[in-house]
Protein backbone atom coordinates (compact mmCIF):
# COMPACT_ATOMS: atom_id res chain seq x y z
CA MET A 1 -27.75 32.52 -118.59
CA ALA A 2 -24.25 31.55 -119.70
CA ASN A 3 -22.78 33.07 -116.53
CA ILE A 4 -25.01 30.85 -114.34
CA ALA A 5 -24.02 27.75 -116.31
CA LEU A 6 -20.34 28.66 -116.06
CA THR A 7 -20.67 29.29 -112.31
CA LEU A 8 -22.37 25.90 -111.85
CA CYS A 9 -19.59 24.22 -113.83
CA HIS A 10 -16.96 25.79 -111.57
CA MET A 11 -18.90 24.74 -108.44
CA VAL A 12 -19.21 21.15 -109.65
CA ASP A 13 -15.52 21.09 -110.58
CA LYS A 14 -14.56 22.31 -107.09
CA MET A 15 -16.83 19.74 -105.41
CA MET A 16 -15.48 16.89 -107.56
CA THR A 17 -11.86 17.93 -106.91
CA THR A 18 -12.50 18.07 -103.16
CA TYR A 19 -14.24 14.67 -103.26
CA GLN A 20 -11.37 13.11 -105.23
CA LYS A 21 -8.81 14.44 -102.72
CA GLN A 22 -10.89 13.00 -99.90
CA LEU A 23 -11.02 9.61 -101.63
CA GLU A 24 -7.24 9.67 -102.19
CA GLN A 25 -6.64 10.48 -98.51
CA THR A 26 -8.99 7.69 -97.41
CA PHE A 27 -7.22 5.25 -99.73
CA ILE A 28 -3.82 6.25 -98.32
CA GLU A 29 -4.99 5.91 -94.70
CA GLU A 30 -7.24 2.84 -94.96
CA GLY A 31 -6.18 1.13 -98.18
CA GLY A 32 -8.33 -0.25 -100.93
CA ILE A 33 -11.40 -2.46 -100.63
CA LYS A 34 -9.41 -5.70 -100.75
CA GLU A 35 -7.13 -4.52 -97.95
CA ARG A 36 -10.10 -3.51 -95.80
CA MET A 37 -11.89 -6.79 -96.52
CA THR A 38 -8.76 -8.76 -95.57
CA ALA A 39 -8.32 -6.75 -92.38
CA ALA A 40 -11.96 -7.31 -91.44
CA ARG A 41 -11.68 -11.05 -92.12
CA LEU A 42 -8.46 -11.38 -90.12
CA GLY A 43 -9.94 -9.34 -87.29
CA TYR A 44 -12.97 -11.63 -87.21
CA ARG A 45 -10.77 -14.72 -87.10
CA THR A 46 -8.69 -13.23 -84.29
CA ASN A 47 -11.83 -12.48 -82.31
CA GLN A 48 -13.06 -16.03 -82.89
CA ARG A 49 -9.75 -17.49 -81.68
CA GLU A 50 -9.83 -15.31 -78.57
CA GLU A 51 -13.43 -16.31 -77.84
CA ILE A 52 -12.62 -20.01 -78.26
CA ALA A 53 -9.61 -19.70 -75.94
CA ARG A 54 -11.74 -17.90 -73.36
CA LEU A 55 -14.44 -20.57 -73.54
CA LYS A 56 -11.86 -23.36 -73.20
CA GLN A 57 -10.45 -21.67 -70.09
CA GLU A 58 -13.96 -21.28 -68.68
CA LEU A 59 -14.68 -24.96 -69.36
CA GLU A 60 -11.47 -26.05 -67.63
CA THR A 61 -12.37 -23.91 -64.62
CA ALA A 62 -15.85 -25.46 -64.54
CA TYR A 63 -14.39 -29.00 -64.69
CA ARG A 64 -12.02 -28.20 -61.81
CA ARG A 65 -14.87 -26.78 -59.75
CA ILE A 66 -17.01 -29.85 -60.43
CA ALA A 67 -14.15 -32.11 -59.34
CA GLU A 68 -13.73 -30.07 -56.13
CA LEU A 69 -17.43 -30.28 -55.34
CA GLU A 70 -17.51 -34.02 -56.06
CA ALA A 71 -14.55 -34.49 -53.72
CA LYS A 72 -16.34 -32.54 -50.97
CA LEU A 73 -19.50 -34.60 -51.43
CA LYS A 74 -17.50 -37.82 -51.36
CA ALA A 75 -15.75 -36.66 -48.18
CA VAL A 76 -19.11 -36.33 -46.41
CA GLY A 77 -20.28 -39.68 -47.79
CA ILE A 78 -22.60 -38.58 -50.58
CA ASN A 79 -22.29 -40.45 -53.90
CA CYS A 80 -22.84 -38.12 -56.86
CA TYR A 81 -23.59 -40.89 -59.31
CA LYS A 82 -26.21 -43.55 -58.86
CA GLU A 83 -24.89 -47.02 -59.49
């Protein structure tokens, strides 16, 4: 019975050592929780800025297109706005 207990102790020790090495490697590659949280937050903000810039560009394009269409309608004598 003692041999089984000793074998289990060695197996658990090996698994824990392997797990600890894996955690150390992950920490070295990805950093700690605060670093990952900061990176996620900054990434989110960057994505938001890019999305806002894209939407502003799209809005400007839409305004230009509206102005072009209004000019074409005015050229053929159609008033877009009722007075």
